[in-house]
C-alpha atoms as a PDB file:
ATOM      1  CA  MET A   1      36.474  -2.636 -27.868  1.00  0.00           C
ATOM      2  CA  LYS A   2      36.105  -4.657 -24.795  1.00  0.00           C
ATOM      3  CA  THR A   3      36.533  -1.571 -22.809  1.00  0.00           C
ATOM      4  CA  ALA A   4      33.391  -0.131 -24.400  1.00  0.00           C
ATOM      5  CA  GLU A   5      31.084  -3.510 -23.982  1.00  0.00           C
ATOM      6  CA  LYS A   6      32.401  -3.456 -20.479  1.00  0.00           C
ATOM      7  CA  ALA A   7      31.334   0.258 -20.198  1.00  0.00           C
ATOM      8  CA  ARG A   8      28.027  -0.452 -21.893  1.00  0.00           C
ATOM      9  CA  SER A   9      27.523  -3.606 -19.772  1.00  0.00           C
ATOM     10  CA  VAL A  10      28.190  -1.137 -16.258  1.00  0.00           C
ATOM     11  CA  THR A  11      25.666   1.026 -17.680  1.00  0.00           C
ATOM     12  CA  GLN A  12      22.988  -1.316 -18.639  1.00  0.00           C
ATOM     13  CA  ALA A  13      22.942  -2.922 -15.159  1.00  0.00           C
ATOM     14  CA  ARG A  14      23.032   0.500 -13.390  1.00  0.00           C
ATOM     15  CA  GLY A  15      20.014   1.596 -15.433  1.00  0.00           C
ATOM     16  CA  ARG A  16      18.227  -2.084 -14.543  1.00  0.00           C
ATOM     17  CA  GLU A  17      18.934  -1.293 -10.935  1.00  0.00           C
ATOM     18  CA  ARG A  18      17.497   2.281 -10.908  1.00  0.00           C
ATOM     19  CA  ARG A  19      14.593   1.175 -12.759  1.00  0.00           C
ATOM     20  CA  GLN A  20      14.042  -1.503 -10.123  1.00  0.00           C
ATOM     21  CA  ARG A  21      14.683   0.843  -7.305  1.00  0.00           C
ATOM     22  CA  LEU A  22      11.807   3.024  -8.677  1.00  0.00           C
ATOM     23  CA  ILE A  23       9.285   0.187  -8.899  1.00  0.00           C
ATOM     24  CA  GLU A  24       9.975  -0.945  -5.565  1.00  0.00           C
ATOM     25  CA  SER A  25       9.975   2.597  -4.234  1.00  0.00           C
ATOM     26  CA  ALA A  26       6.201   2.696  -6.073  1.00  0.00           C
ATOM     27  CA  ARG A  27       5.520  -0.583  -3.985  1.00  0.00           C
ATOM     28  CA  THR A  28       6.485   1.158  -0.759  1.00  0.00           C
ATOM     29  CA  LEU A  29       4.838   4.374  -1.205  1.00  0.00           C
ATOM     30  CA  LEU A  30       1.370   2.773  -2.374  1.00  0.00           C
ATOM     31  CA  ASP A  31       1.166   0.901   1.422  1.00  0.00           C
ATOM     32  CA  VAL A  32       0.875   4.686   2.646  1.00  0.00           C
ATOM     33  CA  HIS A  33      -0.589   6.714  -0.276  1.00  0.00           C
ATOM     34  CA  ARG A  34      -3.050   7.020  -2.919  1.00  0.00           C
ATOM     35  CA  MET A  35      -1.904   6.066  -6.048  1.00  0.00           C
ATOM     36  CA  ASP A  36      -3.457   9.844  -7.505  1.00  0.00           C
ATOM     37  CA  GLU A  37      -1.648  11.207  -4.853  1.00  0.00           C
ATOM     38  CA  LEU A  38       1.753  10.513  -6.220  1.00  0.00           C
ATOM     39  CA  SER A  39       4.111  11.868  -8.902  1.00  0.00           C
ATOM     40  CA  LEU A  40       6.636  10.499 -10.815  1.00  0.00           C
ATOM     41  CA  ALA A  41       8.828  13.065  -8.873  1.00  0.00           C
ATOM     42  CA  ASP A  42       7.819  11.710  -5.165  1.00  0.00           C
ATOM     43  CA  ILE A  43       8.625   8.109  -6.651  1.00  0.00           C
ATOM     44  CA  ALA A  44      11.861   9.238  -7.735  1.00  0.00           C
ATOM     45  CA  SER A  45      12.690  10.872  -4.742  1.00  0.00           C
ATOM     46  CA  HIS A  46      12.007   7.891  -2.395  1.00  0.00           C
ATOM     47  CA  ALA A  47      14.081   6.015  -4.541  1.00  0.00           C
ATOM     48  CA  GLY A  48      17.169   8.749  -4.346  1.00  0.00           C
ATOM     49  CA  ILE A  49      16.971   8.668  -8.287  1.00  0.00           C
ATOM     50  CA  PRO A  50      16.908  12.302  -9.712  1.00  0.00           C
ATOM     51  CA  THR A  51      13.536  12.860 -11.292  1.00  0.00           C
ATOM     52  CA  GLY A  52      15.062  13.941 -14.900  1.00  0.00           C
ATOM     53  CA  SER A  53      16.542  10.516 -14.653  1.00  0.00           C
ATOM     54  CA  ALA A  54      13.542   8.427 -13.981  1.00  0.00           C
ATOM     55  CA  TYR A  55      11.957   9.986 -16.819  1.00  0.00           C
ATOM     56  CA  HIS A  56      14.886   7.810 -18.958  1.00  0.00           C
ATOM     57  CA  PHE A  57      12.693   4.773 -17.207  1.00  0.00           C
ATOM     58  CA  PHE A  58       9.452   5.717 -17.206  1.00  0.00           C
ATOM     59  CA  PRO A  59       6.988   8.405 -19.273  1.00  0.00           C
ATOM     60  CA  ASN A  60       4.817   8.884 -16.307  1.00  0.00           C
ATOM     61  CA  VAL A  61       3.801   7.309 -12.852  1.00  0.00           C
ATOM     62  CA  THR A  62       0.890   5.402 -14.607  1.00  0.00           C
ATOM     63  CA  ALA A  63       3.914   3.758 -16.524  1.00  0.00           C
ATOM     64  CA  VAL A  64       5.394   2.773 -13.172  1.00  0.00           C
ATOM     65  CA  TYR A  65       2.342   1.615 -11.623  1.00  0.00           C
ATOM     66  CA  GLN A  66       2.216  -0.712 -14.795  1.00  0.00           C
ATOM     67  CA  ALA A  67       5.553  -1.854 -14.115  1.00  0.00           C
ATOM     68  CA  LEU A  68       4.513  -2.671 -10.520  1.00  0.00           C
ATOM     69  CA  GLY A  69       1.589  -4.234 -11.715  1.00  0.00           C
ATOM     70  CA  GLU A  70       3.432  -6.811 -13.887  1.00  0.00           C
ATOM     71  CA  ARG A  71       5.498  -7.438 -10.778  1.00  0.00           C
ATOM     72  CA  PHE A  72       2.845  -7.981  -9.020  1.00  0.00           C
ATOM     73  CA  SER A  73       1.622 -10.815 -11.194  1.00  0.00           C
ATOM     74  CA  GLU A  74       4.849 -12.774 -11.284  1.00  0.00           C
ATOM     75  CA  GLU A  75       4.860 -12.850  -7.732  1.00  0.00           C
ATOM     76  CA  LEU A  76       1.371 -13.781  -6.963  1.00  0.00           C
ATOM     77  CA  ASP A  77       1.440 -16.500  -9.956  1.00  0.00           C
ATOM     78  CA  ALA A  78       4.992 -18.037  -8.510  1.00  0.00           C
ATOM     79  CA  GLU A  79       3.252 -18.093  -4.799  1.00  0.00           C
ATOM     80  CA  LEU A  80       0.219 -20.149  -6.143  1.00  0.00           C
ATOM     81  CA  ALA A  81       2.114 -22.221  -8.038  1.00  0.00           C
ATOM     82  CA  LYS A  82       4.120 -23.956  -4.953  1.00  0.00           C
ATOM     83  CA  PRO A  83       3.464 -27.423  -4.201  1.00  0.00           C
ATOM     84  CA  TYR A  84       0.205 -27.954  -3.040  1.00  0.00           C
ATOM     85  CA  GLN A  85       0.137 -30.421  -0.192  1.00  0.00           C
ATOM     86  CA  ILE A  86      -3.175 -32.718  -0.348  1.00  0.00           C
ATOM     87  CA  SER A  87      -4.168 -35.179   2.460  1.00  0.00           C
ATOM     88  CA  LEU A  88      -5.837 -38.359   1.818  1.00  0.00           C
ATOM     89  CA  ASP A  89      -9.048 -37.046   3.203  1.00  0.00           C
ATOM     90  CA  ASP A  90      -9.113 -33.929   1.035  1.00  0.00           C
ATOM     91  CA  ASP A  91     -10.626 -33.726  -2.535  1.00  0.00           C
ATOM     92  CA  TRP A  92      -9.843 -31.532  -5.383  1.00  0.00           C
ATOM     93  CA  LEU A  93     -11.688 -28.690  -4.299  1.00  0.00           C
ATOM     94  CA  SER A  94      -9.325 -28.098  -1.432  1.00  0.00           C
ATOM     95  CA  ILE A  95      -7.079 -26.818  -4.008  1.00  0.00           C
ATOM     96  CA  ILE A  96      -9.115 -23.965  -4.593  1.00  0.00           C
ATOM     97  CA  ASP A  97      -9.610 -23.270  -0.800  1.00  0.00           C
ATOM     98  CA  GLU A  98      -5.383 -23.141  -0.689  1.00  0.00           C
ATOM     99  CA  ALA A  99      -5.368 -21.275  -3.435  1.00  0.00           C
ATOM    100  CA  ILE A 100      -7.534 -18.391  -2.158  1.00  0.00           C
ATOM    101  CA  ASP A 101      -6.016 -18.311   0.884  1.00  0.00           C
ATOM    102  CA  ARG A 102      -2.624 -17.667  -0.695  1.00  0.00           C
ATOM    103  CA  ALA A 103      -3.781 -15.096  -2.738  1.00  0.00           C
ATOM    104  CA  HIS A 104      -5.548 -13.851   0.841  1.00  0.00           C
ATOM    105  CA  ARG A 105      -2.297 -14.114   2.357  1.00  0.00           C
ATOM    106  CA  PHE A 106      -0.349 -12.321  -0.397  1.00  0.00           C
ATOM    107  CA  TYR A 107      -3.092  -9.587  -0.967  1.00  0.00           C
ATOM    108  CA  GLU A 108      -2.992  -8.916   2.957  1.00  0.00           C
ATOM    109  CA  ALA A 109       1.012  -8.559   2.962  1.00  0.00           C
ATOM    110  CA  SER A 110       1.104  -5.520   0.775  1.00  0.00           C
ATOM    111  CA  ALA A 111      -1.447  -2.716   1.026  1.00  0.00           C
ATOM    112  CA  GLY A 112      -0.222  -1.200  -2.218  1.00  0.00           C
ATOM    113  CA  TYR A 113      -0.593  -4.259  -4.271  1.00  0.00           C
ATOM    114  CA  ARG A 114      -4.241  -4.036  -2.769  1.00  0.00           C
ATOM    115  CA  GLN A 115      -4.896  -0.822  -3.718  1.00  0.00           C
ATOM    116  CA  LEU A 116      -2.997  -1.353  -7.253  1.00  0.00           C
ATOM    117  CA  ILE A 117      -4.755  -4.267  -8.429  1.00  0.00           C
ATOM    118  CA  LEU A 118      -8.300  -4.109  -6.402  1.00  0.00           C
ATOM    119  CA  GLY A 119      -8.737  -0.644  -5.665  1.00  0.00           C
ATOM    120  CA  SER A 120     -10.785   1.901  -7.208  1.00  0.00           C
ATOM    121  CA  ARG A 121      -8.526   4.181  -8.980  1.00  0.00           C
ATOM    122  CA  VAL A 122      -6.911   1.334 -10.940  1.00  0.00           C
ATOM    123  CA  PRO A 123      -5.781   2.631 -14.478  1.00  0.00           C
ATOM    124  CA  ALA A 124      -7.626   0.785 -17.503  1.00  0.00           C
ATOM    125  CA  ASP A 125      -4.223  -0.856 -18.987  1.00  0.00           C
ATOM    126  CA  ILE A 126      -3.162  -2.402 -15.337  1.00  0.00           C
ATOM    127  CA  LYS A 127      -6.871  -3.730 -14.839  1.00  0.00           C
ATOM    128  CA  LEU A 128      -6.371  -5.281 -18.625  1.00  0.00           C
ATOM    129  CA  SER A 129      -2.835  -6.725 -17.622  1.00  0.00           C
ATOM    130  CA  ASP A 130      -4.407  -8.417 -14.625  1.00  0.00           C
ATOM    131  CA  ARG A 131      -7.436  -9.746 -16.420  1.00  0.00           C
ATOM    132  CA  LEU A 132      -4.794 -11.321 -18.946  1.00  0.00           C
ATOM    133  CA  ASN A 133      -2.675 -12.482 -15.941  1.00  0.00           C
ATOM    134  CA  ASP A 134      -6.383 -14.466 -14.412  1.00  0.00           C
ATOM    135  CA  GLU A 135      -5.943 -16.685 -17.621  1.00  0.00           C
ATOM    136  CA  VAL A 136      -2.451 -17.884 -16.562  1.00  0.00           C
ATOM    137  CA  ILE A 137      -3.656 -18.305 -13.039  1.00  0.00           C
ATOM    138  CA  GLY A 138      -6.831 -20.333 -13.938  1.00  0.00           C
ATOM    139  CA  GLN A 139      -4.220 -22.414 -15.633  1.00  0.00           C
ATOM    140  CA  ILE A 140      -1.872 -22.595 -12.510  1.00  0.00           C
ATOM    141  CA  LEU A 141      -5.118 -24.456 -10.915  1.00  0.00           C
ATOM    142  CA  ILE A 142      -5.807 -26.458 -13.717  1.00  0.00           C
ATOM    143  CA  SER A 143      -2.047 -28.074 -13.454  1.00  0.00           C
ATOM    144  CA  ALA A 144      -2.163 -28.213  -9.436  1.00  0.00           C
ATOM    145  CA  ILE A 145      -5.393 -29.950  -9.794  1.00  0.00           C
ATOM    146  CA  ASN A 146      -4.596 -32.618 -12.718  1.00  0.00           C
ATOM    147  CA  ARG A 147      -1.020 -33.148 -10.454  1.00  0.00           C
ATOM    148  CA  HIS A 148      -3.406 -34.666  -7.853  1.00  0.00           C
ATOM    149  CA  PHE A 149      -6.605 -35.690  -9.385  1.00  0.00           C
ATOM    150  CA  TYR A 150      -7.571 -36.690 -12.869  1.00  0.00           C
ATOM    151  CA  LEU A 151      -9.742 -33.452 -14.135  1.00  0.00           C
ATOM    152  CA  PRO A 152     -12.254 -34.592 -16.711  1.00  0.00           C
ATOM    153  CA  GLU A 153     -11.485 -33.099 -20.148  1.00  0.00           C
ATOM    154  CA  ILE A 154     -14.191 -31.079 -21.151  1.00  0.00           C
ATOM    155  CA  PRO A 155     -14.767 -28.148 -23.475  1.00  0.00           C
ATOM    156  CA  ARG A 156     -13.835 -24.496 -22.567  1.00  0.00           C
ATOM    157  CA  ALA A 157     -12.059 -25.770 -19.326  1.00  0.00           C
ATOM    158  CA  ASN A 158      -9.673 -22.784 -19.443  1.00  0.00           C
ATOM    159  CA  GLU A 159     -12.423 -20.410 -19.670  1.00  0.00           C
ATOM    160  CA  ILE A 160     -14.183 -22.101 -16.764  1.00  0.00           C
ATOM    161  CA  PHE A 161     -11.134 -21.562 -14.740  1.00  0.00           C
ATOM    162  CA  PHE A 162     -10.286 -18.234 -15.801  1.00  0.00           C
ATOM    163  CA  HIS A 163     -13.940 -17.477 -14.625  1.00  0.00           C
ATOM    164  CA  VAL A 164     -13.361 -18.826 -11.102  1.00  0.00           C
ATOM    165  CA  VAL A 165     -10.495 -16.546 -11.150  1.00  0.00           C
ATOM    166  CA  GLU A 166     -12.516 -13.564 -11.807  1.00  0.00           C
ATOM    167  CA  ILE A 167     -15.184 -14.828  -9.343  1.00  0.00           C
ATOM    168  CA  ILE A 168     -12.708 -14.726  -6.480  1.00  0.00           C
ATOM    169  CA  ASP A 169     -11.066 -11.494  -7.822  1.00  0.00           C
ATOM    170  CA  LEU A 170     -14.845 -10.041  -7.281  1.00  0.00           C
ATOM    171  CA  PHE A 171     -15.378 -10.871  -3.788  1.00  0.00           C
ATOM    172  CA  PHE A 172     -11.814  -9.891  -2.906  1.00  0.00           C
ATOM    173  CA  THR A 173     -12.404  -6.449  -4.768  1.00  0.00           C
ATOM    174  CA  LEU A 174     -15.832  -5.796  -3.044  1.00  0.00           C
ATOM    175  CA  SER A 175     -13.901  -6.661   0.323  1.00  0.00           C
ATOM    176  CA  VAL A 176     -11.710  -3.759  -0.326  1.00  0.00           C
ATOM    177  CA  LEU A 177     -13.767  -1.241  -1.411  1.00  0.00           C
ATOM    178  CA  ARG A 178     -15.876  -1.746   1.803  1.00  0.00           C
ATOM    179  CA  SER A 179     -13.239  -2.443   4.215  1.00  0.00           C
ATOM    180  CA  ASP A 180      -9.752  -1.512   2.598  1.00  0.00           C
ATOM    181  CA  GLU A 181      -8.721  -5.328   3.044  1.00  0.00           C
ATOM    182  CA  ILE A 182      -9.809  -8.563   2.421  1.00  0.00           C
ATOM    183  CA  THR A 183     -11.688  -9.899   5.190  1.00  0.00           C
ATOM    184  CA  GLN A 184     -11.997 -13.415   6.240  1.00  0.00           C
ATOM    185  CA  PRO A 185     -15.841 -13.788   5.634  1.00  0.00           C
ATOM    186  CA  MET A 186     -15.387 -12.556   2.213  1.00  0.00           C
ATOM    187  CA  SER A 187     -12.295 -14.889   1.497  1.00  0.00           C
ATOM    188  CA  LEU A 188     -14.634 -17.577   2.286  1.00  0.00           C
ATOM    189  CA  GLU A 189     -17.690 -16.363   0.143  1.00  0.00           C
ATOM    190  CA  ALA A 190     -15.175 -15.912  -2.648  1.00  0.00           C
ATOM    191  CA  GLY A 191     -14.235 -20.031  -2.283  1.00  0.00           C
ATOM    192  CA  ARG A 192     -18.289 -20.653  -1.686  1.00  0.00           C
ATOM    193  CA  ALA A 193     -18.933 -19.038  -5.048  1.00  0.00           C
ATOM    194  CA  ALA A 194     -15.786 -20.235  -6.676  1.00  0.00           C
ATOM    195  CA  LYS A 195     -16.521 -23.675  -5.654  1.00  0.00           C
ATOM    196  CA  ALA A 196     -20.298 -23.570  -6.400  1.00  0.00           C
ATOM    197  CA  TYR A 197     -19.443 -22.471 -10.169  1.00  0.00           C
ATOM    198  CA  LEU A 198     -16.945 -25.442 -10.674  1.00  0.00           C
ATOM    199  CA  LEU A 199     -19.325 -28.116  -9.457  1.00  0.00           C
ATOM    200  CA  THR A 200     -21.641 -27.036 -12.670  1.00  0.00           C
ATOM    201  CA  TYR A 201     -19.056 -28.271 -14.575  1.00  0.00           C
ATOM    202  CA  PHE A 202     -17.250 -30.970 -12.752  1.00  0.00           C
ATOM    203  CA  PRO A 203     -18.068 -33.794 -10.193  1.00  0.00           C
ATOM    204  CA  SER A 204     -17.722 -33.254  -6.543  1.00  0.00           C
ATOM    205  CA  VAL A 205     -15.439 -36.550  -6.731  1.00  0.00           C
ATOM    206  CA  LEU A 206     -12.532 -36.908  -8.894  1.00  0.00           C
ATOM    207  CA  THR A 207     -10.106 -39.798  -8.785  1.00  0.00           C
ATOM    208  CA  ARG A 208      -6.676 -39.675  -7.007  1.00  0.00           C
ATOM    209  CA  ARG A 209      -3.542 -39.838  -8.472  1.00  0.00           C
ATOM    210  CA  GLU A 210      -1.285 -42.339  -6.784  1.00  0.00           C
ATOM    211  CA  ALA A 211       1.459 -39.935  -6.322  1.00  0.00           C
ATOM    212  CA  PRO A 212       2.139 -36.719  -8.017  1.00  0.00           C
ATOM    213  CA  GLU A 213       4.788 -37.051 -11.036  1.00  0.00           C
ATOM    214  CA  SER A 214       7.258 -34.624  -9.405  1.00  0.00           C
ATOM    215  CA  THR A 215       7.506 -32.348  -6.388  1.00  0.00           C
ATOM    216  CA  GLU A 216       8.104 -29.146  -8.639  1.00  0.00           C
ATOM    217  CA  GLY A 217       5.612 -27.252  -9.657  1.00  0.00           C
ATOM    218  CA  CYS A 218       2.036 -27.754  -8.335  1.00  0.00           C
END
């Protein structure tokens, strides 16, 4: 029994490793190819995995892209949730600026991610998944601000911050569609639009907390 369990554990670990190789190969290939140029066979070949074996993990190339989109969300969320260093001269809106700058740098580090999330050929399921994750990012921003400032509790706060993320995404998407990259001017425009929207609901000055409750999180 123990031998059978060990063999099953080894097989499962090998399967997980192969699945991750396929996802990572998709990410690498998307840095230099359009989404509609790639097949599951292309990704499997790059990963060094027989195409027949690849079908055990993904039924088609779109499913690989969906898994890569989930990885993107996890990585971006982790980046935005890192602690924000706020100086005494900074106001609460500086957190929005810093979050946009982090997202900008994150996207610019991967042409594949830009294409997968902000490009013109994004499958509907990936778009929907990204929208759902934008709600998570909105919560991350709320938590980051609340760690340093007293953010007033108002109705629809979660929805408002979701809209903020959508506003930022819109400017990023426009920039990618026009220039194949997120330009610094468009990143700044995203910040202007997002902050202007927030200031219709929240005061420009918020009371600062004496110190964050911990150094973990935001």
